[in-house]
PDB file of N, CA and C in Angstrom:
ATOM      1  N   MET A   1      38.262  44.003  25.081  1.00  0.00           N
ATOM      2  CA  MET A   1      38.260  45.432  24.850  1.00  0.00           C
ATOM      3  C   MET A   1      38.201  45.695  23.347  1.00  0.00           C
ATOM      4  N   VAL A   2      37.527  46.756  22.980  1.00  0.00           N
ATOM      5  CA  VAL A   2      37.446  47.228  21.605  1.00  0.00           C
ATOM      6  C   VAL A   2      38.382  48.422  21.482  1.00  0.00           C
ATOM      7  N   THR A   3      39.225  48.410  20.459  1.00  0.00           N
ATOM      8  CA  THR A   3      40.154  49.507  20.221  1.00  0.00           C
ATOM      9  C   THR A   3      39.493  50.561  19.345  1.00  0.00           C
ATOM     10  N   VAL A   4      39.657  51.807  19.716  1.00  0.00           N
ATOM     11  CA  VAL A   4      39.185  52.932  18.915  1.00  0.00           C
ATOM     12  C   VAL A   4      40.427  53.686  18.454  1.00  0.00           C
ATOM     13  N   THR A   5      40.628  53.764  17.135  1.00  0.00           N
ATOM     14  CA  THR A   5      41.808  54.434  16.607  1.00  0.00           C
ATOM     15  C   THR A   5      41.714  55.935  16.846  1.00  0.00           C
ATOM     16  N   PRO A   6      42.853  56.626  16.796  1.00  0.00           N
ATOM     17  CA  PRO A   6      42.814  58.085  16.924  1.00  0.00           C
ATOM     18  C   PRO A   6      41.911  58.745  15.872  1.00  0.00           C
ATOM     19  N   ALA A   7      41.896  58.223  14.652  1.00  0.00           N
ATOM     20  CA  ALA A   7      41.038  58.796  13.597  1.00  0.00           C
ATOM     21  C   ALA A   7      39.561  58.640  13.955  1.00  0.00           C
ATOM     22  N   ALA A   8      39.178  57.482  14.487  1.00  0.00           N
ATOM     23  CA  ALA A   8      37.785  57.258  14.882  1.00  0.00           C
ATOM     24  C   ALA A   8      37.415  58.140  16.069  1.00  0.00           C
ATOM     25  N   ALA A   9      38.326  58.255  17.038  1.00  0.00           N
ATOM     26  CA  ALA A   9      38.067  59.103  18.201  1.00  0.00           C
ATOM     27  C   ALA A   9      37.890  60.559  17.774  1.00  0.00           C
ATOM     28  N   GLN A  10      38.705  61.018  16.824  1.00  0.00           N
ATOM     29  CA  GLN A  10      38.581  62.394  16.333  1.00  0.00           C
ATOM     30  C   GLN A  10      37.236  62.596  15.638  1.00  0.00           C
ATOM     31  N   ALA A  11      36.803  61.595  14.859  1.00  0.00           N
ATOM     32  CA  ALA A  11      35.501  61.688  14.178  1.00  0.00           C
ATOM     33  C   ALA A  11      34.369  61.759  15.200  1.00  0.00           C
ATOM     34  N   VAL A  12      34.459  60.977  16.269  1.00  0.00           N
ATOM     35  CA  VAL A  12      33.434  61.022  17.328  1.00  0.00           C
ATOM     36  C   VAL A  12      33.443  62.392  18.002  1.00  0.00           C
ATOM     37  N   ASN A  13      34.632  62.889  18.343  1.00  0.00           N
ATOM     38  CA  ASN A  13      34.709  64.210  18.973  1.00  0.00           C
ATOM     39  C   ASN A  13      34.180  65.302  18.056  1.00  0.00           C
ATOM     40  N   ASP A  14      34.425  65.190  16.755  1.00  0.00           N
ATOM     41  CA  ASP A  14      33.885  66.155  15.795  1.00  0.00           C
ATOM     42  C   ASP A  14      32.359  66.126  15.790  1.00  0.00           C
ATOM     43  N   LEU A  15      31.782  64.920  15.821  1.00  0.00           N
ATOM     44  CA  LEU A  15      30.321  64.790  15.864  1.00  0.00           C
ATOM     45  C   LEU A  15      29.744  65.377  17.146  1.00  0.00           C
ATOM     46  N   LEU A  16      30.399  65.094  18.266  1.00  0.00           N
ATOM     47  CA  LEU A  16      29.930  65.623  19.546  1.00  0.00           C
ATOM     48  C   LEU A  16      29.960  67.153  19.550  1.00  0.00           C
ATOM     49  N   ALA A  17      31.038  67.716  19.018  1.00  0.00           N
ATOM     50  CA  ALA A  17      31.167  69.170  18.973  1.00  0.00           C
ATOM     51  C   ALA A  17      30.135  69.777  18.028  1.00  0.00           C
ATOM     52  N   LYS A  18      29.947  69.157  16.865  1.00  0.00           N
ATOM     53  CA  LYS A  18      28.994  69.666  15.872  1.00  0.00           C
ATOM     54  C   LYS A  18      27.569  69.680  16.435  1.00  0.00           C
ATOM     55  N   ARG A  19      27.258  68.674  17.244  1.00  0.00           N
ATOM     56  CA  ARG A  19      25.912  68.564  17.827  1.00  0.00           C
ATOM     57  C   ARG A  19      25.813  69.210  19.206  1.00  0.00           C
ATOM     58  N   ASN A  20      26.931  69.789  19.665  1.00  0.00           N
ATOM     59  CA  ASN A  20      26.976  70.454  20.958  1.00  0.00           C
ATOM     60  C   ASN A  20      26.575  69.515  22.099  1.00  0.00           C
ATOM     61  N   LEU A  21      27.114  68.313  22.091  1.00  0.00           N
ATOM     62  CA  LEU A  21      26.802  67.310  23.106  1.00  0.00           C
ATOM     63  C   LEU A  21      27.958  67.192  24.091  1.00  0.00           C
ATOM     64  N   THR A  22      27.642  67.241  25.373  1.00  0.00           N
ATOM     65  CA  THR A  22      28.653  67.024  26.404  1.00  0.00           C
ATOM     66  C   THR A  22      28.210  65.855  27.270  1.00  0.00           C
ATOM     67  N   GLY A  23      29.170  65.119  27.800  1.00  0.00           N
ATOM     68  CA  GLY A  23      28.857  63.985  28.653  1.00  0.00           C
ATOM     69  C   GLY A  23      28.411  62.749  27.892  1.00  0.00           C
ATOM     70  N   TYR A  24      28.639  62.714  26.598  1.00  0.00           N
ATOM     71  CA  TYR A  24      28.251  61.576  25.764  1.00  0.00           C
ATOM     72  C   TYR A  24      29.458  60.705  25.461  1.00  0.00           C
ATOM     73  N   GLY A  25      29.187  59.434  25.234  1.00  0.00           N
ATOM     74  CA  GLY A  25      30.217  58.495  24.825  1.00  0.00           C
ATOM     75  C   GLY A  25      29.789  57.767  23.563  1.00  0.00           C
ATOM     76  N   LEU A  26      30.659  56.917  23.083  1.00  0.00           N
ATOM     77  CA  LEU A  26      30.372  56.107  21.903  1.00  0.00           C
ATOM     78  C   LEU A  26      29.896  54.739  22.356  1.00  0.00           C
ATOM     79  N   ARG A  27      28.608  54.451  22.141  1.00  0.00           N
ATOM     80  CA  ARG A  27      28.082  53.122  22.434  1.00  0.00           C
ATOM     81  C   ARG A  27      28.329  52.246  21.209  1.00  0.00           C
ATOM     82  N   VAL A  28      28.956  51.094  21.455  1.00  0.00           N
ATOM     83  CA  VAL A  28      29.235  50.111  20.413  1.00  0.00           C
ATOM     84  C   VAL A  28      28.413  48.877  20.755  1.00  0.00           C
ATOM     85  N   PHE A  29      27.649  48.372  19.776  1.00  0.00           N
ATOM     86  CA  PHE A  29      26.789  47.233  20.072  1.00  0.00           C
ATOM     87  C   PHE A  29      26.584  46.394  18.820  1.00  0.00           C
ATOM     88  N   ILE A  30      26.064  45.211  19.044  1.00  0.00           N
ATOM     89  CA  ILE A  30      25.644  44.351  17.945  1.00  0.00           C
ATOM     90  C   ILE A  30      24.172  44.045  18.133  1.00  0.00           C
ATOM     91  N   SER A  31      23.511  43.783  17.011  1.00  0.00           N
ATOM     92  CA  SER A  31      22.114  43.370  17.067  1.00  0.00           C
ATOM     93  C   SER A  31      21.907  42.294  16.019  1.00  0.00           C
ATOM     94  N   GLY A  32      20.889  41.491  16.209  1.00  0.00           N
ATOM     95  CA  GLY A  32      20.567  40.470  15.226  1.00  0.00           C
ATOM     96  C   GLY A  32      20.048  41.106  13.958  1.00  0.00           C
ATOM     97  N   GLY A  33      20.434  40.533  12.833  1.00  0.00           N
ATOM     98  CA  GLY A  33      19.941  41.048  11.560  1.00  0.00           C
ATOM     99  C   GLY A  33      21.023  41.090  10.511  1.00  0.00           C
ATOM    100  N   GLY A  34      20.676  41.657   9.383  1.00  0.00           N
ATOM    101  CA  GLY A  34      21.621  41.703   8.279  1.00  0.00           C
ATOM    102  C   GLY A  34      21.677  40.356   7.592  1.00  0.00           C
ATOM    103  N   CYS A  35      22.379  40.296   6.498  1.00  0.00           N
ATOM    104  CA  CYS A  35      22.403  39.057   5.721  1.00  0.00           C
ATOM    105  C   CYS A  35      23.330  38.011   6.310  1.00  0.00           C
ATOM    106  N   SER A  36      24.188  38.396   7.261  1.00  0.00           N
ATOM    107  CA  SER A  36      25.122  37.429   7.837  1.00  0.00           C
ATOM    108  C   SER A  36      24.777  37.049   9.269  1.00  0.00           C
ATOM    109  N   GLY A  37      23.761  37.639   9.862  1.00  0.00           N
ATOM    110  CA  GLY A  37      23.325  37.234  11.194  1.00  0.00           C
ATOM    111  C   GLY A  37      23.364  38.321  12.241  1.00  0.00           C
ATOM    112  N   PHE A  38      24.469  39.093  12.296  1.00  0.00           N
ATOM    113  CA  PHE A  38      24.605  40.186  13.258  1.00  0.00           C
ATOM    114  C   PHE A  38      24.923  41.468  12.514  1.00  0.00           C
ATOM    115  N   GLN A  39      24.533  42.584  13.112  1.00  0.00           N
ATOM    116  CA  GLN A  39      24.856  43.899  12.564  1.00  0.00           C
ATOM    117  C   GLN A  39      25.580  44.713  13.619  1.00  0.00           C
ATOM    118  N   TYR A  40      26.525  45.535  13.170  1.00  0.00           N
ATOM    119  CA  TYR A  40      27.207  46.463  14.066  1.00  0.00           C
ATOM    120  C   TYR A  40      26.346  47.696  14.280  1.00  0.00           C
ATOM    121  N   GLY A  41      26.487  48.286  15.443  1.00  0.00           N
ATOM    122  CA  GLY A  41      25.804  49.526  15.733  1.00  0.00           C
ATOM    123  C   GLY A  41      26.703  50.469  16.507  1.00  0.00           C
ATOM    124  N   LEU A  42      26.611  51.750  16.184  1.00  0.00           N
ATOM    125  CA  LEU A  42      27.331  52.798  16.893  1.00  0.00           C
ATOM    126  C   LEU A  42      26.327  53.902  17.213  1.00  0.00           C
ATOM    127  N   ALA A  43      26.415  54.456  18.406  1.00  0.00           N
ATOM    128  CA  ALA A  43      25.510  55.534  18.793  1.00  0.00           C
ATOM    129  C   ALA A  43      26.217  56.463  19.770  1.00  0.00           C
ATOM    130  N   LEU A  44      25.863  57.731  19.713  1.00  0.00           N
ATOM    131  CA  LEU A  44      26.317  58.691  20.712  1.00  0.00           C
ATOM    132  C   LEU A  44      25.299  58.651  21.833  1.00  0.00           C
ATOM    133  N   GLU A  45      25.772  58.363  23.038  1.00  0.00           N
ATOM    134  CA  GLU A  45      24.817  58.135  24.123  1.00  0.00           C
ATOM    135  C   GLU A  45      25.349  58.653  25.448  1.00  0.00           C
ATOM    136  N   ASP A  46      24.426  59.143  26.276  1.00  0.00           N
ATOM    137  CA  ASP A  46      24.812  59.624  27.605  1.00  0.00           C
ATOM    138  C   ASP A  46      24.239  58.761  28.727  1.00  0.00           C
ATOM    139  N   GLN A  47      23.584  57.668  28.361  1.00  0.00           N
ATOM    140  CA  GLN A  47      23.006  56.763  29.363  1.00  0.00           C
ATOM    141  C   GLN A  47      23.895  55.524  29.512  1.00  0.00           C
ATOM    142  N   ILE A  48      24.304  55.258  30.726  1.00  0.00           N
ATOM    143  CA  ILE A  48      25.119  54.077  31.016  1.00  0.00           C
ATOM    144  C   ILE A  48      24.343  53.192  31.970  1.00  0.00           C
ATOM    145  N   ARG A  49      24.181  51.939  31.584  1.00  0.00           N
ATOM    146  CA  ARG A  49      23.494  50.963  32.427  1.00  0.00           C
ATOM    147  C   ARG A  49      24.493  50.344  33.406  1.00  0.00           C
ATOM    148  N   PRO A  50      24.034  49.870  34.540  1.00  0.00           N
ATOM    149  CA  PRO A  50      24.943  49.277  35.525  1.00  0.00           C
ATOM    150  C   PRO A  50      25.773  48.111  34.972  1.00  0.00           C
ATOM    151  N   SER A  51      25.241  47.375  34.004  1.00  0.00           N
ATOM    152  CA  SER A  51      25.953  46.219  33.468  1.00  0.00           C
ATOM    153  C   SER A  51      26.864  46.565  32.279  1.00  0.00           C
ATOM    154  N   ASP A  52      26.876  47.826  31.841  1.00  0.00           N
ATOM    155  CA  ASP A  52      27.724  48.230  30.721  1.00  0.00           C
ATOM    156  C   ASP A  52      29.200  48.208  31.092  1.00  0.00           C
ATOM    157  N   ILE A  53      30.020  47.924  30.111  1.00  0.00           N
ATOM    158  CA  ILE A  53      31.468  48.045  30.244  1.00  0.00           C
ATOM    159  C   ILE A  53      31.825  49.416  29.695  1.00  0.00           C
ATOM    160  N   THR A  54      32.549  50.207  30.467  1.00  0.00           N
ATOM    161  CA  THR A  54      32.936  51.543  30.019  1.00  0.00           C
ATOM    162  C   THR A  54      34.426  51.751  30.240  1.00  0.00           C
ATOM    163  N   TYR A  55      35.049  52.479  29.331  1.00  0.00           N
ATOM    164  CA  TYR A  55      36.448  52.849  29.471  1.00  0.00           C
ATOM    165  C   TYR A  55      36.726  54.019  28.525  1.00  0.00           C
ATOM    166  N   GLU A  56      37.839  54.688  28.751  1.00  0.00           N
ATOM    167  CA  GLU A  56      38.222  55.807  27.902  1.00  0.00           C
ATOM    168  C   GLU A  56      39.364  55.376  26.998  1.00  0.00           C
ATOM    169  N   MET A  57      39.271  55.785  25.737  1.00  0.00           N
ATOM    170  CA  MET A  57      40.327  55.494  24.787  1.00  0.00           C
ATOM    171  C   MET A  57      40.455  56.659  23.821  1.00  0.00           C
ATOM    172  N   ASN A  58      41.663  57.165  23.683  1.00  0.00           N
ATOM    173  CA  ASN A  58      41.947  58.279  22.778  1.00  0.00           C
ATOM    174  C   ASN A  58      40.999  59.461  22.980  1.00  0.00           C
ATOM    175  N   GLY A  59      40.667  59.706  24.250  1.00  0.00           N
ATOM    176  CA  GLY A  59      39.888  60.892  24.583  1.00  0.00           C
ATOM    177  C   GLY A  59      38.378  60.757  24.492  1.00  0.00           C
ATOM    178  N   ILE A  60      37.878  59.557  24.216  1.00  0.00           N
ATOM    179  CA  ILE A  60      36.415  59.376  24.200  1.00  0.00           C
ATOM    180  C   ILE A  60      36.032  58.248  25.146  1.00  0.00           C
ATOM    181  N   GLN A  61      34.810  58.324  25.643  1.00  0.00           N
ATOM    182  CA  GLN A  61      34.283  57.253  26.484  1.00  0.00           C
ATOM    183  C   GLN A  61      33.658  56.202  25.574  1.00  0.00           C
ATOM    184  N   VAL A  62      34.042  54.945  25.773  1.00  0.00           N
ATOM    185  CA  VAL A  62      33.500  53.824  25.019  1.00  0.00           C
ATOM    186  C   VAL A  62      32.564  53.062  25.945  1.00  0.00           C
ATOM    187  N   VAL A  63      31.362  52.740  25.445  1.00  0.00           N
ATOM    188  CA  VAL A  63      30.347  52.034  26.226  1.00  0.00           C
ATOM    189  C   VAL A  63      29.899  50.814  25.431  1.00  0.00           C
ATOM    190  N   ILE A  64      29.974  49.634  26.071  1.00  0.00           N
ATOM    191  CA  ILE A  64      29.578  48.390  25.407  1.00  0.00           C
ATOM    192  C   ILE A  64      28.741  47.564  26.379  1.00  0.00           C
ATOM    193  N   ASP A  65      27.628  47.039  25.893  1.00  0.00           N
ATOM    194  CA  ASP A  65      26.799  46.216  26.786  1.00  0.00           C
ATOM    195  C   ASP A  65      27.447  44.846  26.987  1.00  0.00           C
ATOM    196  N   GLU A  66      27.023  44.167  28.041  1.00  0.00           N
ATOM    197  CA  GLU A  66      27.662  42.919  28.450  1.00  0.00           C
ATOM    198  C   GLU A  66      27.481  41.775  27.464  1.00  0.00           C
ATOM    199  N   VAL A  67      26.477  41.816  26.603  1.00  0.00           N
ATOM    200  CA  VAL A  67      26.293  40.776  25.592  1.00  0.00           C
ATOM    201  C   VAL A  67      27.165  41.066  24.373  1.00  0.00           C
ATOM    202  N   SER A  68      27.145  42.306  23.916  1.00  0.00           N
ATOM    203  CA  SER A  68      27.902  42.673  22.712  1.00  0.00           C
ATOM    204  C   SER A  68      29.403  42.471  22.877  1.00  0.00           C
ATOM    205  N   ILE A  69      29.929  42.714  24.073  1.00  0.00           N
ATOM    206  CA  ILE A  69      31.380  42.602  24.271  1.00  0.00           C
ATOM    207  C   ILE A  69      31.886  41.207  23.907  1.00  0.00           C
ATOM    208  N   ASN A  70      31.056  40.182  24.099  1.00  0.00           N
ATOM    209  CA  ASN A  70      31.481  38.825  23.775  1.00  0.00           C
ATOM    210  C   ASN A  70      31.708  38.623  22.276  1.00  0.00           C
ATOM    211  N   TYR A  71      31.018  39.394  21.453  1.00  0.00           N
ATOM    212  CA  TYR A  71      31.159  39.296  20.004  1.00  0.00           C
ATOM    213  C   TYR A  71      32.146  40.326  19.449  1.00  0.00           C
ATOM    214  N   LEU A  72      32.508  41.309  20.272  1.00  0.00           N
ATOM    215  CA  LEU A  72      33.358  42.397  19.811  1.00  0.00           C
ATOM    216  C   LEU A  72      34.756  42.403  20.417  1.00  0.00           C
ATOM    217  N   ARG A  73      35.027  41.489  21.317  1.00  0.00           N
ATOM    218  CA  ARG A  73      36.319  41.479  22.004  1.00  0.00           C
ATOM    219  C   ARG A  73      37.465  41.423  20.986  1.00  0.00           C
ATOM    220  N   GLY A  74      38.366  42.393  21.071  1.00  0.00           N
ATOM    221  CA  GLY A  74      39.508  42.449  20.159  1.00  0.00           C
ATOM    222  C   GLY A  74      39.240  43.213  18.872  1.00  0.00           C
ATOM    223  N   ALA A  75      38.020  43.726  18.696  1.00  0.00           N
ATOM    224  CA  ALA A  75      37.674  44.460  17.473  1.00  0.00           C
ATOM    225  C   ALA A  75      38.329  45.845  17.479  1.00  0.00           C
ATOM    226  N   MET A  76      38.457  46.423  16.280  1.00  0.00           N
ATOM    227  CA  MET A  76      39.018  47.754  16.136  1.00  0.00           C
ATOM    228  C   MET A  76      38.057  48.623  15.327  1.00  0.00           C
ATOM    229  N   ILE A  77      37.784  49.817  15.848  1.00  0.00           N
ATOM    230  CA  ILE A  77      36.948  50.785  15.150  1.00  0.00           C
ATOM    231  C   ILE A  77      37.861  51.869  14.597  1.00  0.00           C
ATOM    232  N   ASP A  78      37.764  52.083  13.290  1.00  0.00           N
ATOM    233  CA  ASP A  78      38.568  53.092  12.621  1.00  0.00           C
ATOM    234  C   ASP A  78      37.631  54.016  11.851  1.00  0.00           C
ATOM    235  N   TYR A  79      38.137  55.151  11.444  1.00  0.00           N
ATOM    236  CA  TYR A  79      37.391  56.051  10.571  1.00  0.00           C
ATOM    237  C   TYR A  79      38.206  56.208   9.304  1.00  0.00           C
ATOM    238  N   VAL A  80      37.598  55.892   8.174  1.00  0.00           N
ATOM    239  CA  VAL A  80      38.303  55.962   6.894  1.00  0.00           C
ATOM    240  C   VAL A  80      37.665  57.043   6.027  1.00  0.00           C
ATOM    241  N   ASP A  81      38.498  57.717   5.278  1.00  0.00           N
ATOM    242  CA  ASP A  81      38.058  58.767   4.360  1.00  0.00           C
ATOM    243  C   ASP A  81      38.664  58.426   3.000  1.00  0.00           C
ATOM    244  N   GLU A  82      37.847  57.824   2.149  1.00  0.00           N
ATOM    245  CA  GLU A  82      38.312  57.334   0.855  1.00  0.00           C
ATOM    246  C   GLU A  82      37.494  57.947  -0.268  1.00  0.00           C
ATOM    247  N   LEU A  83      37.948  57.760  -1.492  1.00  0.00           N
ATOM    248  CA  LEU A  83      37.249  58.303  -2.658  1.00  0.00           C
ATOM    249  C   LEU A  83      35.814  57.808  -2.760  1.00  0.00           C
ATOM    250  N   MET A  84      35.578  56.560  -2.377  1.00  0.00           N
ATOM    251  CA  MET A  84      34.238  55.977  -2.484  1.00  0.00           C
ATOM    252  C   MET A  84      33.355  56.304  -1.288  1.00  0.00           C
ATOM    253  N   GLY A  85      33.878  57.037  -0.340  1.00  0.00           N
ATOM    254  CA  GLY A  85      33.080  57.424   0.810  1.00  0.00           C
ATOM    255  C   GLY A  85      33.885  57.393   2.093  1.00  0.00           C
ATOM    256  N   SER A  86      33.301  57.934   3.117  1.00  0.00           N
ATOM    257  CA  SER A  86      33.969  57.934   4.417  1.00  0.00           C
ATOM    258  C   SER A  86      33.010  57.407   5.461  1.00  0.00           C
ATOM    259  N   GLY A  87      33.584  56.905   6.534  1.00  0.00           N
ATOM    260  CA  GLY A  87      32.756  56.400   7.613  1.00  0.00           C
ATOM    261  C   GLY A  87      33.540  55.516   8.556  1.00  0.00           C
ATOM    262  N   PHE A  88      32.843  55.019   9.560  1.00  0.00           N
ATOM    263  CA  PHE A  88      33.454  54.141  10.540  1.00  0.00           C
ATOM    264  C   PHE A  88      33.576  52.734   9.958  1.00  0.00           C
ATOM    265  N   LYS A  89      34.694  52.092  10.245  1.00  0.00           N
ATOM    266  CA  LYS A  89      34.948  50.729   9.771  1.00  0.00           C
ATOM    267  C   LYS A  89      35.325  49.886  10.983  1.00  0.00           C
ATOM    268  N   ILE A  90      34.672  48.734  11.125  1.00  0.00           N
ATOM    269  CA  ILE A  90      34.948  47.847  12.249  1.00  0.00           C
ATOM    270  C   ILE A  90      35.631  46.592  11.731  1.00  0.00           C
ATOM    271  N   THR A  91      36.796  46.305  12.284  1.00  0.00           N
ATOM    272  CA  THR A  91      37.523  45.076  11.986  1.00  0.00           C
ATOM    273  C   THR A  91      37.371  44.178  13.200  1.00  0.00           C
ATOM    274  N   ASN A  92      36.757  43.016  12.995  1.00  0.00           N
ATOM    275  CA  ASN A  92      36.397  42.139  14.104  1.00  0.00           C
ATOM    276  C   ASN A  92      37.041  40.765  13.930  1.00  0.00           C
ATOM    277  N   PRO A  93      37.972  40.386  14.812  1.00  0.00           N
ATOM    278  CA  PRO A  93      38.610  39.081  14.696  1.00  0.00           C
ATOM    279  C   PRO A  93      37.667  37.905  14.987  1.00  0.00           C
ATOM    280  N   ASN A  94      36.504  38.180  15.553  1.00  0.00           N
ATOM    281  CA  ASN A  94      35.534  37.130  15.873  1.00  0.00           C
ATOM    282  C   ASN A  94      34.633  36.797  14.692  1.00  0.00           C
ATOM    283  N   ALA A  95      34.654  37.617  13.663  1.00  0.00           N
ATOM    284  CA  ALA A  95      33.802  37.404  12.493  1.00  0.00           C
ATOM    285  C   ALA A  95      34.452  36.389  11.563  1.00  0.00           C
ATOM    286  N   ILE A  96      33.729  35.292  11.288  1.00  0.00           N
ATOM    287  CA  ILE A  96      34.273  34.298  10.354  1.00  0.00           C
ATOM    288  C   ILE A  96      33.806  34.565   8.929  1.00  0.00           C
ATOM    289  N   SER A  97      32.753  35.354   8.780  1.00  0.00           N
ATOM    290  CA  SER A  97      32.326  35.805   7.462  1.00  0.00           C
ATOM    291  C   SER A  97      31.613  37.137   7.627  1.00  0.00           C
ATOM    292  N   THR A  98      31.700  37.944   6.595  1.00  0.00           N
ATOM    293  CA  THR A  98      31.052  39.250   6.627  1.00  0.00           C
ATOM    294  C   THR A  98      30.276  39.473   5.340  1.00  0.00           C
ATOM    295  N   CYS A  99      29.360  40.382   5.418  1.00  0.00           N
ATOM    296  CA  CYS A  99      28.584  40.817   4.267  1.00  0.00           C
ATOM    297  C   CYS A  99      29.508  41.618   3.345  1.00  0.00           C
ATOM    298  N   GLY A 100      29.168  41.721   2.105  1.00  0.00           N
ATOM    299  CA  GLY A 100      29.976  42.473   1.155  1.00  0.00           C
ATOM    300  C   GLY A 100      30.181  43.922   1.557  1.00  0.00           C
ATOM    301  N   CYS A 101      29.225  44.526   2.245  1.00  0.00           N
ATOM    302  CA  CYS A 101      29.348  45.929   2.648  1.00  0.00           C
ATOM    303  C   CYS A 101      30.065  46.071   3.987  1.00  0.00           C
ATOM    304  N   GLY A 102      30.287  44.963   4.706  1.00  0.00           N
ATOM    305  CA  GLY A 102      30.984  45.014   5.979  1.00  0.00           C
ATOM    306  C   GLY A 102      30.122  45.397   7.165  1.00  0.00           C
ATOM    307  N   GLN A 103      28.832  45.574   6.975  1.00  0.00           N
ATOM    308  CA  GLN A 103      27.944  45.983   8.061  1.00  0.00           C
ATOM    309  C   GLN A 103      27.349  44.805   8.823  1.00  0.00           C
ATOM    310  N   SER A 104      27.464  43.615   8.282  1.00  0.00           N
ATOM    311  CA  SER A 104      26.867  42.429   8.877  1.00  0.00           C
ATOM    312  C   SER A 104      27.941  41.347   8.970  1.00  0.00           C
ATOM    313  N   PHE A 105      27.860  40.511  10.007  1.00  0.00           N
ATOM    314  CA  PHE A 105      28.873  39.478  10.181  1.00  0.00           C
ATOM    315  C   PHE A 105      28.292  38.250  10.841  1.00  0.00           C
ATOM    316  N   ARG A 106      29.070  37.171  10.796  1.00  0.00           N
ATOM    317  CA  ARG A 106      28.707  35.905  11.428  1.00  0.00           C
ATOM    318  C   ARG A 106      29.903  35.417  12.230  1.00  0.00           C
ATOM    319  N   THR A 107      29.641  34.795  13.376  1.00  0.00           N
ATOM    320  CA  THR A 107      30.699  34.241  14.215  1.00  0.00           C
ATOM    321  C   THR A 107      30.632  32.721  14.174  1.00  0.00           C
ATOM    322  N   SER A 108      31.652  32.082  14.706  1.00  0.00           N
ATOM    323  CA  SER A 108      31.662  30.619  14.742  1.00  0.00           C
ATOM    324  C   SER A 108      30.606  30.066  15.687  1.00  0.00           C
ATOM    325  N   ASP A 109      30.121  30.885  16.635  1.00  0.00           N
ATOM    326  CA  ASP A 109      29.076  30.453  17.568  1.00  0.00           C
ATOM    327  C   ASP A 109      27.707  30.403  16.917  1.00  0.00           C
ATOM    328  N   GLU A 110      27.537  31.114  15.813  1.00  0.00           N
ATOM    329  CA  GLU A 110      26.240  31.205  15.159  1.00  0.00           C
ATOM    330  C   GLU A 110      26.093  30.059  14.166  1.00  0.00           C
ATOM    331  N   GLN A 111      24.982  29.354  14.234  1.00  0.00           N
ATOM    332  CA  GLN A 111      24.770  28.178  13.409  1.00  0.00           C
ATOM    333  C   GLN A 111      24.151  28.483  12.049  1.00  0.00           C
ATOM    334  N   SER A 112      23.497  29.645  11.914  1.00  0.00           N
ATOM    335  CA  SER A 112      22.820  29.943  10.654  1.00  0.00           C
ATOM    336  C   SER A 112      23.821  30.320   9.579  1.00  0.00           C
ATOM    337  N   SER A 113      23.439  30.092   8.354  1.00  0.00           N
ATOM    338  CA  SER A 113      24.308  30.451   7.245  1.00  0.00           C
ATOM    339  C   SER A 113      23.930  31.826   6.729  1.00  0.00           C
ATOM    340  N   ALA A 114      24.857  32.434   6.032  1.00  0.00           N
ATOM    341  CA  ALA A 114      24.621  33.769   5.492  1.00  0.00           C
ATOM    342  C   ALA A 114      23.563  33.722   4.414  1.00  0.00           C
ATOM    343  N   GLY A 115      22.770  34.759   4.382  1.00  0.00           N
ATOM    344  CA  GLY A 115      21.724  34.850   3.367  1.00  0.00           C
ATOM    345  C   GLY A 115      22.181  35.665   2.180  1.00  0.00           C
ATOM    346  N   GLY A 116      21.231  36.178   1.434  1.00  0.00           N
ATOM    347  CA  GLY A 116      21.541  37.010   0.275  1.00  0.00           C
ATOM    348  C   GLY A 116      22.004  38.372   0.710  1.00  0.00           C
ATOM    349  N   GLY A 117      22.211  39.254  -0.220  1.00  0.00           N
ATOM    350  CA  GLY A 117      22.734  40.588   0.054  1.00  0.00           C
ATOM    351  C   GLY A 117      21.848  41.372   1.002  1.00  0.00           C
ATOM    352  N   CYS A 118      22.428  42.356   1.655  1.00  0.00           N
ATOM    353  CA  CYS A 118      21.653  43.216   2.543  1.00  0.00           C
ATOM    354  C   CYS A 118      21.515  44.589   1.911  1.00  0.00           C
ATOM    355  N   SER A 119      20.783  45.449   2.534  1.00  0.00           N
ATOM    356  CA  SER A 119      20.512  46.761   1.949  1.00  0.00           C
ATOM    357  C   SER A 119      21.776  47.595   1.784  1.00  0.00           C
ATOM    358  N   GLY A 120      22.824  47.301   2.550  1.00  0.00           N
ATOM    359  CA  GLY A 120      24.064  48.065   2.429  1.00  0.00           C
ATOM    360  C   GLY A 120      24.954  47.580   1.304  1.00  0.00           C
ATOM    361  N   CYS A 121      24.692  46.398   0.779  1.00  0.00           N
ATOM    362  CA  CYS A 121      25.523  45.846  -0.292  1.00  0.00           C
ATOM    363  C   CYS A 121      25.074  46.380  -1.637  1.00  0.00           C
ATOM    364  N   SER A 122      26.024  46.538  -2.511  1.00  0.00           N
ATOM    365  CA  SER A 122      25.660  46.941  -3.870  1.00  0.00           C
ATOM    366  C   SER A 122      26.156  45.926  -4.864  1.00  0.00           C
TER     367      SER A 122
END
């Protein structure tokens, strides 16, 4: 299971309200790419596939595909508002290394080594 903090859930609900979306949940996924091998993805979505894992946490529906859950199990999604910027932050216990910007990660199952910086790194 992926934990969504109250701050992250509030940020999602704010986005849903601002866009006037009903019946949508937060899709959490990973995709190949980035300088460390995998990239995190978040999307507001109203389509649920039969193989998706879905549950409610802090008032929002969380949707994760059956492949991504294996890389995200135990992760926490938070929303931070800091002087240098605000946004969603994912803390993943399965990541053995991450990109400097935190948007890309590598797991112990992945054999490739991290590359150079990614577009999110400065």
